[in-house]
Amino acid sequence: AQAATLRRARTETKARRLLPDSTGAY
């Protein structure tokens, strides 16, 4: 039961992945 809750937290989360700018910085 605890594992199912943790799995939902892992699979149902979206992330804002930063993209590098012209200088390569994030």
mmCIF file of all heavy atoms, coordinates in Angstrom:
data_MODEL
# 
_entry.id   MODEL 
# 
loop_
_atom_site.group_PDB 
_atom_site.id 
_atom_site.type_symbol 
_atom_site.label_atom_id 
_atom_site.label_alt_id 
_atom_site.label_comp_id 
_atom_site.label_asym_id 
_atom_site.label_entity_id 
_atom_site.label_seq_id 
_atom_site.pdbx_PDB_ins_code 
_atom_site.Cartn_x 
_atom_site.Cartn_y 
_atom_site.Cartn_z 
_atom_site.occupancy 
_atom_site.B_iso_or_equiv 
_atom_site.pdbx_formal_charge 
_atom_site.auth_seq_id 
_atom_site.auth_comp_id 
_atom_site.auth_asym_id 
_atom_site.auth_atom_id 
_atom_site.pdbx_PDB_model_num 
ATOM 1   N N   . ALA A 1 1  ? 0.836  -1.203 0.000   1.00 0.00 ? 1  ALA A N   1 
ATOM 2   C CA  . ALA A 1 1  ? 0.000  0.000  0.000   1.00 0.00 ? 1  ALA A CA  1 
ATOM 3   C C   . ALA A 1 1  ? 0.870  1.253  0.000   1.00 0.00 ? 1  ALA A C   1 
ATOM 4   O O   . ALA A 1 1  ? 0.626  2.195  -0.757  1.00 0.00 ? 1  ALA A O   1 
ATOM 5   C CB  . ALA A 1 1  ? -0.922 -0.005 1.219   1.00 0.00 ? 1  ALA A CB  1 
ATOM 6   N N   . GLN A 1 2  ? 1.920  1.251  0.843   1.00 0.00 ? 2  GLN A N   1 
ATOM 7   C CA  . GLN A 1 2  ? 2.823  2.401  0.875   1.00 0.00 ? 2  GLN A CA  1 
ATOM 8   C C   . GLN A 1 2  ? 3.569  2.522  -0.448  1.00 0.00 ? 2  GLN A C   1 
ATOM 9   O O   . GLN A 1 2  ? 3.779  3.617  -0.964  1.00 0.00 ? 2  GLN A O   1 
ATOM 10  C CB  . GLN A 1 2  ? 3.823  2.252  2.023   1.00 0.00 ? 2  GLN A CB  1 
ATOM 11  C CG  . GLN A 1 2  ? 4.730  3.457  2.184   1.00 0.00 ? 2  GLN A CG  1 
ATOM 12  C CD  . GLN A 1 2  ? 5.656  3.326  3.378   1.00 0.00 ? 2  GLN A CD  1 
ATOM 13  O OE1 . GLN A 1 2  ? 5.658  2.325  4.068   1.00 0.00 ? 2  GLN A OE1 1 
ATOM 14  N NE2 . GLN A 1 2  ? 6.457  4.350  3.607   1.00 0.00 ? 2  GLN A NE2 1 
ATOM 15  N N   . ALA A 1 3  ? 3.962  1.377  -1.025  1.00 0.00 ? 3  ALA A N   1 
ATOM 16  C CA  . ALA A 1 3  ? 4.673  1.402  -2.300  1.00 0.00 ? 3  ALA A CA  1 
ATOM 17  C C   . ALA A 1 3  ? 3.799  1.977  -3.411  1.00 0.00 ? 3  ALA A C   1 
ATOM 18  O O   . ALA A 1 3  ? 4.278  2.707  -4.276  1.00 0.00 ? 3  ALA A O   1 
ATOM 19  C CB  . ALA A 1 3  ? 5.126  -0.009 -2.669  1.00 0.00 ? 3  ALA A CB  1 
ATOM 20  N N   . ALA A 1 4  ? 2.499  1.652  -3.386  1.00 0.00 ? 4  ALA A N   1 
ATOM 21  C CA  . ALA A 1 4  ? 1.595  2.178  -4.412  1.00 0.00 ? 4  ALA A CA  1 
ATOM 22  C C   . ALA A 1 4  ? 1.502  3.697  -4.333  1.00 0.00 ? 4  ALA A C   1 
ATOM 23  O O   . ALA A 1 4  ? 1.497  4.390  -5.358  1.00 0.00 ? 4  ALA A O   1 
ATOM 24  C CB  . ALA A 1 4  ? 0.207  1.549  -4.246  1.00 0.00 ? 4  ALA A CB  1 
ATOM 25  N N   . THR A 1 5  ? 1.442  4.226  -3.107  1.00 0.00 ? 5  THR A N   1 
ATOM 26  C CA  . THR A 1 5  ? 1.400  5.680  -2.932  1.00 0.00 ? 5  THR A CA  1 
ATOM 27  C C   . THR A 1 5  ? 2.674  6.322  -3.456  1.00 0.00 ? 5  THR A C   1 
ATOM 28  O O   . THR A 1 5  ? 2.637  7.349  -4.139  1.00 0.00 ? 5  THR A O   1 
ATOM 29  C CB  . THR A 1 5  ? 1.210  6.024  -1.446  1.00 0.00 ? 5  THR A CB  1 
ATOM 30  O OG1 . THR A 1 5  ? 0.004  5.411  -0.985  1.00 0.00 ? 5  THR A OG1 1 
ATOM 31  C CG2 . THR A 1 5  ? 1.129  7.525  -1.240  1.00 0.00 ? 5  THR A CG2 1 
ATOM 32  N N   . LEU A 1 6  ? 3.805  5.720  -3.132  1.00 0.00 ? 6  LEU A N   1 
ATOM 33  C CA  . LEU A 1 6  ? 5.089  6.261  -3.589  1.00 0.00 ? 6  LEU A CA  1 
ATOM 34  C C   . LEU A 1 6  ? 5.208  6.189  -5.103  1.00 0.00 ? 6  LEU A C   1 
ATOM 35  O O   . LEU A 1 6  ? 5.741  7.098  -5.747  1.00 0.00 ? 6  LEU A O   1 
ATOM 36  C CB  . LEU A 1 6  ? 6.238  5.487  -2.932  1.00 0.00 ? 6  LEU A CB  1 
ATOM 37  C CG  . LEU A 1 6  ? 6.349  5.612  -1.406  1.00 0.00 ? 6  LEU A CG  1 
ATOM 38  C CD1 . LEU A 1 6  ? 7.402  4.651  -0.879  1.00 0.00 ? 6  LEU A CD1 1 
ATOM 39  C CD2 . LEU A 1 6  ? 6.679  7.040  -1.020  1.00 0.00 ? 6  LEU A CD2 1 
ATOM 40  N N   . ARG A 1 7  ? 4.700  5.101  -5.683  1.00 0.00 ? 7  ARG A N   1 
ATOM 41  C CA  . ARG A 1 7  ? 4.798  4.957  -7.143  1.00 0.00 ? 7  ARG A CA  1 
ATOM 42  C C   . ARG A 1 7  ? 3.971  6.025  -7.851  1.00 0.00 ? 7  ARG A C   1 
ATOM 43  O O   . ARG A 1 7  ? 4.386  6.557  -8.878  1.00 0.00 ? 7  ARG A O   1 
ATOM 44  C CB  . ARG A 1 7  ? 4.330  3.560  -7.544  1.00 0.00 ? 7  ARG A CB  1 
ATOM 45  C CG  . ARG A 1 7  ? 4.514  3.286  -9.039  1.00 0.00 ? 7  ARG A CG  1 
ATOM 46  C CD  . ARG A 1 7  ? 4.123  1.874  -9.409  1.00 0.00 ? 7  ARG A CD  1 
ATOM 47  N NE  . ARG A 1 7  ? 5.131  0.928  -8.960  1.00 0.00 ? 7  ARG A NE  1 
ATOM 48  C CZ  . ARG A 1 7  ? 4.979  0.090  -7.944  1.00 0.00 ? 7  ARG A CZ  1 
ATOM 49  N NH1 . ARG A 1 7  ? 3.847  0.089  -7.250  1.00 0.00 ? 7  ARG A NH1 1 
ATOM 50  N NH2 . ARG A 1 7  ? 5.927  -0.747 -7.607  1.00 0.00 ? 7  ARG A NH2 1 
ATOM 51  N N   . ARG A 1 8  ? 2.810  6.343  -7.297  1.00 0.00 ? 8  ARG A N   1 
ATOM 52  C CA  . ARG A 1 8  ? 2.002  7.400  -7.902  1.00 0.00 ? 8  ARG A CA  1 
ATOM 53  C C   . ARG A 1 8  ? 2.729  8.735  -7.842  1.00 0.00 ? 8  ARG A C   1 
ATOM 54  O O   . ARG A 1 8  ? 2.697  9.521  -8.797  1.00 0.00 ? 8  ARG A O   1 
ATOM 55  C CB  . ARG A 1 8  ? 0.648  7.503  -7.188  1.00 0.00 ? 8  ARG A CB  1 
ATOM 56  C CG  . ARG A 1 8  ? -0.328 6.410  -7.567  1.00 0.00 ? 8  ARG A CG  1 
ATOM 57  C CD  . ARG A 1 8  ? -1.737 6.778  -7.134  1.00 0.00 ? 8  ARG A CD  1 
ATOM 58  N NE  . ARG A 1 8  ? -1.837 6.944  -5.690  1.00 0.00 ? 8  ARG A NE  1 
ATOM 59  C CZ  . ARG A 1 8  ? -2.100 5.954  -4.846  1.00 0.00 ? 8  ARG A CZ  1 
ATOM 60  N NH1 . ARG A 1 8  ? -2.271 4.729  -5.307  1.00 0.00 ? 8  ARG A NH1 1 
ATOM 61  N NH2 . ARG A 1 8  ? -2.186 6.186  -3.545  1.00 0.00 ? 8  ARG A NH2 1 
ATOM 62  N N   . ALA A 1 9  ? 3.405  8.992  -6.708  1.00 0.00 ? 9  ALA A N   1 
ATOM 63  C CA  . ALA A 1 9  ? 4.149  10.250 -6.582  1.00 0.00 ? 9  ALA A CA  1 
ATOM 64  C C   . ALA A 1 9  ? 5.260  10.328 -7.623  1.00 0.00 ? 9  ALA A C   1 
ATOM 65  O O   . ALA A 1 9  ? 5.604  11.401 -8.107  1.00 0.00 ? 9  ALA A O   1 
ATOM 66  C CB  . ALA A 1 9  ? 4.739  10.357 -5.176  1.00 0.00 ? 9  ALA A CB  1 
ATOM 67  N N   . ARG A 1 10 ? 5.811  9.167  -8.007  1.00 0.00 ? 10 ARG A N   1 
ATOM 68  C CA  . ARG A 1 10 ? 6.915  9.160  -8.963  1.00 0.00 ? 10 ARG A CA  1 
ATOM 69  C C   . ARG A 1 10 ? 6.427  9.291  -10.403 1.00 0.00 ? 10 ARG A C   1 
ATOM 70  O O   . ARG A 1 10 ? 7.022  10.011 -11.202 1.00 0.00 ? 10 ARG A O   1 
ATOM 71  C CB  . ARG A 1 10 ? 7.714  7.852  -8.805  1.00 0.00 ? 10 ARG A CB  1 
ATOM 72  C CG  . ARG A 1 10 ? 8.882  7.724  -9.765  1.00 0.00 ? 10 ARG A CG  1 
ATOM 73  C CD  . ARG A 1 10 ? 9.695  6.484  -9.440  1.00 0.00 ? 10 ARG A CD  1 
ATOM 74  N NE  . ARG A 1 10 ? 8.916  5.277  -9.564  1.00 0.00 ? 10 ARG A NE  1 
ATOM 75  C CZ  . ARG A 1 10 ? 8.747  4.599  -10.699 1.00 0.00 ? 10 ARG A CZ  1 
ATOM 76  N NH1 . ARG A 1 10 ? 9.296  5.026  -11.813 1.00 0.00 ? 10 ARG A NH1 1 
ATOM 77  N NH2 . ARG A 1 10 ? 8.026  3.500  -10.735 1.00 0.00 ? 10 ARG A NH2 1 
ATOM 78  N N   . THR A 1 11 ? 5.329  8.599  -10.725 1.00 0.00 ? 11 THR A N   1 
ATOM 79  C CA  . THR A 1 11 ? 4.915  8.525  -12.125 1.00 0.00 ? 11 THR A CA  1 
ATOM 80  C C   . THR A 1 11 ? 3.952  9.630  -12.547 1.00 0.00 ? 11 THR A C   1 
ATOM 81  O O   . THR A 1 11 ? 3.800  9.888  -13.738 1.00 0.00 ? 11 THR A O   1 
ATOM 82  C CB  . THR A 1 11 ? 4.257  7.159  -12.404 1.00 0.00 ? 11 THR A CB  1 
ATOM 83  O OG1 . THR A 1 11 ? 3.138  6.990  -11.523 1.00 0.00 ? 11 THR A OG1 1 
ATOM 84  C CG2 . THR A 1 11 ? 5.246  6.032  -12.180 1.00 0.00 ? 11 THR A CG2 1 
ATOM 85  N N   . GLU A 1 12 ? 3.282  10.271 -11.587 1.00 0.00 ? 12 GLU A N   1 
ATOM 86  C CA  . GLU A 1 12 ? 2.275  11.269 -11.942 1.00 0.00 ? 12 GLU A CA  1 
ATOM 87  C C   . GLU A 1 12 ? 2.779  12.700 -11.782 1.00 0.00 ? 12 GLU A C   1 
ATOM 88  O O   . GLU A 1 12 ? 2.002  13.641 -11.749 1.00 0.00 ? 12 GLU A O   1 
ATOM 89  C CB  . GLU A 1 12 ? 1.026  11.061 -11.083 1.00 0.00 ? 12 GLU A CB  1 
ATOM 90  C CG  . GLU A 1 12 ? 0.353  9.707  -11.319 1.00 0.00 ? 12 GLU A CG  1 
ATOM 91  C CD  . GLU A 1 12 ? -0.854 9.488  -10.433 1.00 0.00 ? 12 GLU A CD  1 
ATOM 92  O OE1 . GLU A 1 12 ? -1.215 10.432 -9.691  1.00 0.00 ? 12 GLU A OE1 1 
ATOM 93  O OE2 . GLU A 1 12 ? -1.433 8.395  -10.474 1.00 0.00 ? 12 GLU A OE2 1 
ATOM 94  N N   . THR A 1 13 ? 4.093  12.868 -11.659 1.00 0.00 ? 13 THR A N   1 
ATOM 95  C CA  . THR A 1 13 ? 4.676  14.191 -11.471 1.00 0.00 ? 13 THR A CA  1 
ATOM 96  C C   . THR A 1 13 ? 5.300  14.688 -12.770 1.00 0.00 ? 13 THR A C   1 
ATOM 97  O O   . THR A 1 13 ? 6.025  13.951 -13.435 1.00 0.00 ? 13 THR A O   1 
ATOM 98  C CB  . THR A 1 13 ? 5.758  14.151 -10.375 1.00 0.00 ? 13 THR A CB  1 
ATOM 99  O OG1 . THR A 1 13 ? 5.172  13.673 -9.166  1.00 0.00 ? 13 THR A OG1 1 
ATOM 100 C CG2 . THR A 1 13 ? 6.357  15.526 -10.140 1.00 0.00 ? 13 THR A CG2 1 
ATOM 101 N N   . LYS A 1 14 ? 5.011  15.944 -13.110 1.00 0.00 ? 14 LYS A N   1 
ATOM 102 C CA  . LYS A 1 14 ? 5.641  16.576 -14.264 1.00 0.00 ? 14 LYS A CA  1 
ATOM 103 C C   . LYS A 1 14 ? 6.767  17.488 -13.799 1.00 0.00 ? 14 LYS A C   1 
ATOM 104 O O   . LYS A 1 14 ? 6.720  18.046 -12.706 1.00 0.00 ? 14 LYS A O   1 
ATOM 105 C CB  . LYS A 1 14 ? 4.614  17.365 -15.076 1.00 0.00 ? 14 LYS A CB  1 
ATOM 106 C CG  . LYS A 1 14 ? 3.795  16.501 -16.013 1.00 0.00 ? 14 LYS A CG  1 
ATOM 107 C CD  . LYS A 1 14 ? 3.114  17.332 -17.083 1.00 0.00 ? 14 LYS A CD  1 
ATOM 108 C CE  . LYS A 1 14 ? 2.531  16.431 -18.164 1.00 0.00 ? 14 LYS A CE  1 
ATOM 109 N NZ  . LYS A 1 14 ? 1.919  17.216 -19.250 1.00 0.00 ? 14 LYS A NZ  1 
ATOM 110 N N   . ALA A 1 15 ? 7.767  17.623 -14.631 1.00 0.00 ? 15 ALA A N   1 
ATOM 111 C CA  . ALA A 1 15 ? 8.934  18.434 -14.275 1.00 0.00 ? 15 ALA A CA  1 
ATOM 112 C C   . ALA A 1 15 ? 9.164  19.504 -15.326 1.00 0.00 ? 15 ALA A C   1 
ATOM 113 O O   . ALA A 1 15 ? 8.899  19.299 -16.513 1.00 0.00 ? 15 ALA A O   1 
ATOM 114 C CB  . ALA A 1 15 ? 10.164 17.537 -14.160 1.00 0.00 ? 15 ALA A CB  1 
ATOM 115 N N   . ARG A 1 16 ? 9.667  20.656 -14.862 1.00 0.00 ? 16 ARG A N   1 
ATOM 116 C CA  . ARG A 1 16 ? 10.075 21.718 -15.785 1.00 0.00 ? 16 ARG A CA  1 
ATOM 117 C C   . ARG A 1 16 ? 11.586 21.631 -15.964 1.00 0.00 ? 16 ARG A C   1 
ATOM 118 O O   . ARG A 1 16 ? 12.352 22.137 -15.138 1.00 0.00 ? 16 ARG A O   1 
ATOM 119 C CB  . ARG A 1 16 ? 9.661  23.083 -15.244 1.00 0.00 ? 16 ARG A CB  1 
ATOM 120 C CG  . ARG A 1 16 ? 8.186  23.378 -15.447 1.00 0.00 ? 16 ARG A CG  1 
ATOM 121 C CD  . ARG A 1 16 ? 7.845  24.792 -15.044 1.00 0.00 ? 16 ARG A CD  1 
ATOM 122 N NE  . ARG A 1 16 ? 7.801  24.928 -13.592 1.00 0.00 ? 16 ARG A NE  1 
ATOM 123 C CZ  . ARG A 1 16 ? 7.628  26.092 -12.980 1.00 0.00 ? 16 ARG A CZ  1 
ATOM 124 N NH1 . ARG A 1 16 ? 7.529  27.207 -13.674 1.00 0.00 ? 16 ARG A NH1 1 
ATOM 125 N NH2 . ARG A 1 16 ? 7.570  26.147 -11.673 1.00 0.00 ? 16 ARG A NH2 1 
ATOM 126 N N   . ARG A 1 17 ? 11.998 20.945 -17.011 1.00 0.00 ? 17 ARG A N   1 
ATOM 127 C CA  . ARG A 1 17 ? 13.427 20.784 -17.273 1.00 0.00 ? 17 ARG A CA  1 
ATOM 128 C C   . ARG A 1 17 ? 13.954 22.029 -17.969 1.00 0.00 ? 17 ARG A C   1 
ATOM 129 O O   . ARG A 1 17 ? 13.457 22.430 -19.028 1.00 0.00 ? 17 ARG A O   1 
ATOM 130 C CB  . ARG A 1 17 ? 13.684 19.547 -18.135 1.00 0.00 ? 17 ARG A CB  1 
ATOM 131 C CG  . ARG A 1 17 ? 15.158 19.314 -18.427 1.00 0.00 ? 17 ARG A CG  1 
ATOM 132 C CD  . ARG A 1 17 ? 15.421 17.932 -18.978 1.00 0.00 ? 17 ARG A CD  1 
ATOM 133 N NE  . ARG A 1 17 ? 14.750 17.705 -20.242 1.00 0.00 ? 17 ARG A NE  1 
ATOM 134 C CZ  . ARG A 1 17 ? 14.742 16.548 -20.900 1.00 0.00 ? 17 ARG A CZ  1 
ATOM 135 N NH1 . ARG A 1 17 ? 15.354 15.507 -20.349 1.00 0.00 ? 17 ARG A NH1 1 
ATOM 136 N NH2 . ARG A 1 17 ? 14.125 16.414 -22.046 1.00 0.00 ? 17 ARG A NH2 1 
ATOM 137 N N   . LEU A 1 18 ? 14.965 22.660 -17.386 1.00 0.00 ? 18 LEU A N   1 
ATOM 138 C CA  . LEU A 1 18 ? 15.525 23.887 -17.943 1.00 0.00 ? 18 LEU A CA  1 
ATOM 139 C C   . LEU A 1 18 ? 16.347 23.592 -19.186 1.00 0.00 ? 18 LEU A C   1 
ATOM 140 O O   . LEU A 1 18 ? 17.054 22.577 -19.255 1.00 0.00 ? 18 LEU A O   1 
ATOM 141 C CB  . LEU A 1 18 ? 16.398 24.585 -16.901 1.00 0.00 ? 18 LEU A CB  1 
ATOM 142 C CG  . LEU A 1 18 ? 15.675 25.055 -15.625 1.00 0.00 ? 18 LEU A CG  1 
ATOM 143 C CD1 . LEU A 1 18 ? 16.672 25.612 -14.622 1.00 0.00 ? 18 LEU A CD1 1 
ATOM 144 C CD2 . LEU A 1 18 ? 14.615 26.095 -15.960 1.00 0.00 ? 18 LEU A CD2 1 
ATOM 145 N N   . LEU A 1 19 ? 16.266 24.483 -20.147 1.00 0.00 ? 19 LEU A N   1 
ATOM 146 C CA  . LEU A 1 19 ? 17.026 24.362 -21.386 1.00 0.00 ? 19 LEU A CA  1 
ATOM 147 C C   . LEU A 1 19 ? 18.175 25.364 -21.373 1.00 0.00 ? 19 LEU A C   1 
ATOM 148 O O   . LEU A 1 19 ? 18.033 26.479 -20.873 1.00 0.00 ? 19 LEU A O   1 
ATOM 149 C CB  . LEU A 1 19 ? 16.120 24.618 -22.592 1.00 0.00 ? 19 LEU A CB  1 
ATOM 150 C CG  . LEU A 1 19 ? 14.906 23.680 -22.721 1.00 0.00 ? 19 LEU A CG  1 
ATOM 151 C CD1 . LEU A 1 19 ? 14.034 24.124 -23.878 1.00 0.00 ? 19 LEU A CD1 1 
ATOM 152 C CD2 . LEU A 1 19 ? 15.359 22.239 -22.913 1.00 0.00 ? 19 LEU A CD2 1 
ATOM 153 N N   . PRO A 1 20 ? 19.340 24.984 -21.903 1.00 0.00 ? 20 PRO A N   1 
ATOM 154 C CA  . PRO A 1 20 ? 20.487 25.900 -21.879 1.00 0.00 ? 20 PRO A CA  1 
ATOM 155 C C   . PRO A 1 20 ? 20.265 27.090 -22.813 1.00 0.00 ? 20 PRO A C   1 
ATOM 156 O O   . PRO A 1 20 ? 19.643 26.963 -23.877 1.00 0.00 ? 20 PRO A O   1 
ATOM 157 C CB  . PRO A 1 20 ? 21.645 25.018 -22.353 1.00 0.00 ? 20 PRO A CB  1 
ATOM 158 C CG  . PRO A 1 20 ? 20.994 23.934 -23.160 1.00 0.00 ? 20 PRO A CG  1 
ATOM 159 C CD  . PRO A 1 20 ? 19.660 23.697 -22.537 1.00 0.00 ? 20 PRO A CD  1 
ATOM 160 N N   . ASP A 1 21 ? 20.780 28.252 -22.373 1.00 0.00 ? 21 ASP A N   1 
ATOM 161 C CA  . ASP A 1 21 ? 20.694 29.427 -23.241 1.00 0.00 ? 21 ASP A CA  1 
ATOM 162 C C   . ASP A 1 21 ? 21.901 29.462 -24.169 1.00 0.00 ? 21 ASP A C   1 
ATOM 163 O O   . ASP A 1 21 ? 22.656 28.483 -24.271 1.00 0.00 ? 21 ASP A O   1 
ATOM 164 C CB  . ASP A 1 21 ? 20.595 30.704 -22.401 1.00 0.00 ? 21 ASP A CB  1 
ATOM 165 C CG  . ASP A 1 21 ? 21.780 30.866 -21.447 1.00 0.00 ? 21 ASP A CG  1 
ATOM 166 O OD1 . ASP A 1 21 ? 22.830 30.244 -21.689 1.00 0.00 ? 21 ASP A OD1 1 
ATOM 167 O OD2 . ASP A 1 21 ? 21.647 31.603 -20.447 1.00 0.00 ? 21 ASP A OD2 1 
ATOM 168 N N   . SER A 1 22 ? 22.094 30.571 -24.847 1.00 0.00 ? 22 SER A N   1 
ATOM 169 C CA  . SER A 1 22 ? 23.170 30.674 -25.840 1.00 0.00 ? 22 SER A CA  1 
ATOM 170 C C   . SER A 1 22 ? 24.553 30.515 -25.224 1.00 0.00 ? 22 SER A C   1 
ATOM 171 O O   . SER A 1 22 ? 25.511 30.127 -25.896 1.00 0.00 ? 22 SER A O   1 
ATOM 172 C CB  . SER A 1 22 ? 23.081 32.031 -26.559 1.00 0.00 ? 22 SER A CB  1 
ATOM 173 O OG  . SER A 1 22 ? 23.151 33.093 -25.610 1.00 0.00 ? 22 SER A OG  1 
ATOM 174 N N   . THR A 1 23 ? 24.674 30.807 -23.927 1.00 0.00 ? 23 THR A N   1 
ATOM 175 C CA  . THR A 1 23 ? 25.980 30.672 -23.255 1.00 0.00 ? 23 THR A CA  1 
ATOM 176 C C   . THR A 1 23 ? 26.158 29.296 -22.616 1.00 0.00 ? 23 THR A C   1 
ATOM 177 O O   . THR A 1 23 ? 27.206 29.019 -22.026 1.00 0.00 ? 23 THR A O   1 
ATOM 178 C CB  . THR A 1 23 ? 26.116 31.746 -22.164 1.00 0.00 ? 23 THR A CB  1 
ATOM 179 O OG1 . THR A 1 23 ? 25.133 31.513 -21.142 1.00 0.00 ? 23 THR A OG1 1 
ATOM 180 C CG2 . THR A 1 23 ? 25.929 33.140 -22.755 1.00 0.00 ? 23 THR A CG2 1 
ATOM 181 N N   . GLY A 1 24 ? 25.133 28.443 -22.701 1.00 0.00 ? 24 GLY A N   1 
ATOM 182 C CA  . GLY A 1 24 ? 25.199 27.116 -22.090 1.00 0.00 ? 24 GLY A CA  1 
ATOM 183 C C   . GLY A 1 24 ? 24.745 27.085 -20.653 1.00 0.00 ? 24 GLY A C   1 
ATOM 184 O O   . GLY A 1 24 ? 24.798 26.039 -20.008 1.00 0.00 ? 24 GLY A O   1 
ATOM 185 N N   . ALA A 1 25 ? 24.288 28.238 -20.115 1.00 0.00 ? 25 ALA A N   1 
ATOM 186 C CA  . ALA A 1 25 ? 23.816 28.295 -18.733 1.00 0.00 ? 25 ALA A CA  1 
ATOM 187 C C   . ALA A 1 25 ? 22.346 27.896 -18.661 1.00 0.00 ? 25 ALA A C   1 
ATOM 188 O O   . ALA A 1 25 ? 21.602 28.018 -19.640 1.00 0.00 ? 25 ALA A O   1 
ATOM 189 C CB  . ALA A 1 25 ? 24.015 29.697 -18.172 1.00 0.00 ? 25 ALA A CB  1 
ATOM 190 N N   . TYR A 1 26 ? 21.959 27.430 -17.479 1.00 0.00 ? 26 TYR A N   1 
ATOM 191 C CA  . TYR A 1 26 ? 20.573 27.018 -17.251 1.00 0.00 ? 26 TYR A CA  1 
ATOM 192 C C   . TYR A 1 26 ? 19.918 28.053 -16.343 1.00 0.00 ? 26 TYR A C   1 
ATOM 193 O O   . TYR A 1 26 ? 19.945 27.943 -15.114 1.00 0.00 ? 26 TYR A O   1 
ATOM 194 C CB  . TYR A 1 26 ? 20.516 25.626 -16.619 1.00 0.00 ? 26 TYR A CB  1 
ATOM 195 C CG  . TYR A 1 26 ? 21.008 24.528 -17.533 1.00 0.00 ? 26 TYR A CG  1 
ATOM 196 C CD1 . TYR A 1 26 ? 22.366 24.216 -17.598 1.00 0.00 ? 26 TYR A CD1 1 
ATOM 197 C CD2 . TYR A 1 26 ? 20.125 23.821 -18.337 1.00 0.00 ? 26 TYR A CD2 1 
ATOM 198 C CE1 . TYR A 1 26 ? 22.832 23.214 -18.439 1.00 0.00 ? 26 TYR A CE1 1 
ATOM 199 C CE2 . TYR A 1 26 ? 20.576 22.814 -19.187 1.00 0.00 ? 26 TYR A CE2 1 
ATOM 200 C CZ  . TYR A 1 26 ? 21.931 22.523 -19.230 1.00 0.00 ? 26 TYR A CZ  1 
ATOM 201 O OH  . TYR A 1 26 ? 22.381 21.541 -20.074 1.00 0.00 ? 26 TYR A OH  1 
# 
